[in-house]
Protein backbone atom coordinates (compact mmCIF):
# COMPACT_ATOMS: atom_id res chain seq x y z
CA UNK A 1 -0.52 -7.21 -4.18
CA UNK A 2 3.02 -7.40 -4.13
CA UNK A 3 2.98 -7.74 -0.38
CA UNK A 4 -0.50 -6.94 0.25
CA UNK A 5 0.33 -2.91 1.73
CA UNK A 6 -2.16 -1.54 -0.25
CA UNK A 7 -4.43 -4.26 0.25
CA UNK A 8 -3.72 -3.45 4.48
CA UNK A 9 -4.10 0.51 4.28
CA UNK A 10 -7.71 -0.35 2.85
CA UNK A 11 -8.11 -2.55 4.79
CA UNK A 12 -7.51 -0.53 8.15
CA UNK A 13 -8.96 2.49 6.73
CA UNK A 14 -12.73 1.14 5.44
CA UNK A 15 -11.58 1.82 1.74
CA UNK A 16 -11.16 -0.53 -1.69
CA UNK A 17 -8.23 -2.08 -1.95
CA UNK A 18 -8.38 -1.11 -5.71
CA UNK A 19 -8.87 2.84 -5.27
CA UNK A 20 -5.51 2.63 -2.84
CA UNK A 21 -3.79 0.44 -5.60
CA UNK A 22 -4.41 3.39 -8.71
CA UNK A 23 -3.94 6.16 -6.30
CA UNK A 24 -0.08 4.23 -5.27
CA UNK A 25 0.54 3.16 -8.70
CA UNK A 26 -0.65 7.07 -9.96
CA UNK A 27 1.70 8.65 -6.87
CA UNK A 28 4.42 7.09 -8.39
CA UNK A 29 4.41 8.94 -11.65
CA UNK A 30 4.93 11.82 -8.04
CA UNK A 31 8.61 12.96 -7.42
CA UNK A 32 9.01 11.52 -4.07
CA UNK A 33 10.18 8.86 -2.04
CA UNK A 34 6.87 6.80 -2.34
CA UNK A 35 9.30 3.40 -3.30
CA UNK A 36 10.77 3.67 0.10
CA UNK A 37 7.45 3.43 1.79
CA UNK A 38 6.27 0.99 0.65
CA UNK A 39 9.19 -1.02 0.84
CA UNK A 40 9.07 0.26 4.96
CA UNK A 41 5.18 0.03 4.90
CA UNK A 42 5.65 -3.99 3.81
CA UNK A 43 7.83 -4.54 6.63
CA UNK A 44 6.03 -2.70 9.39
CA UNK A 45 2.57 -3.73 8.61
CA UNK A 46 1.58 -7.55 9.89
CA UNK A 47 0.75 -10.41 7.64
CA UNK A 48 -2.43 -11.23 7.59
CA UNK A 49 -2.26 -14.67 8.94
CA UNK A 50 -6.88 -15.92 8.60
């Protein structure tokens, strides 16, 4: 809900945004560059102007 990244991914693949958000939060508990990936997607995914 911060930058719409999870909603954008959910819309692109036809998934429920809540599921994508839960998976994103759960993935932060694992080691890896999740925060960096989120920041990159924040810049790369176009904004919804509708």
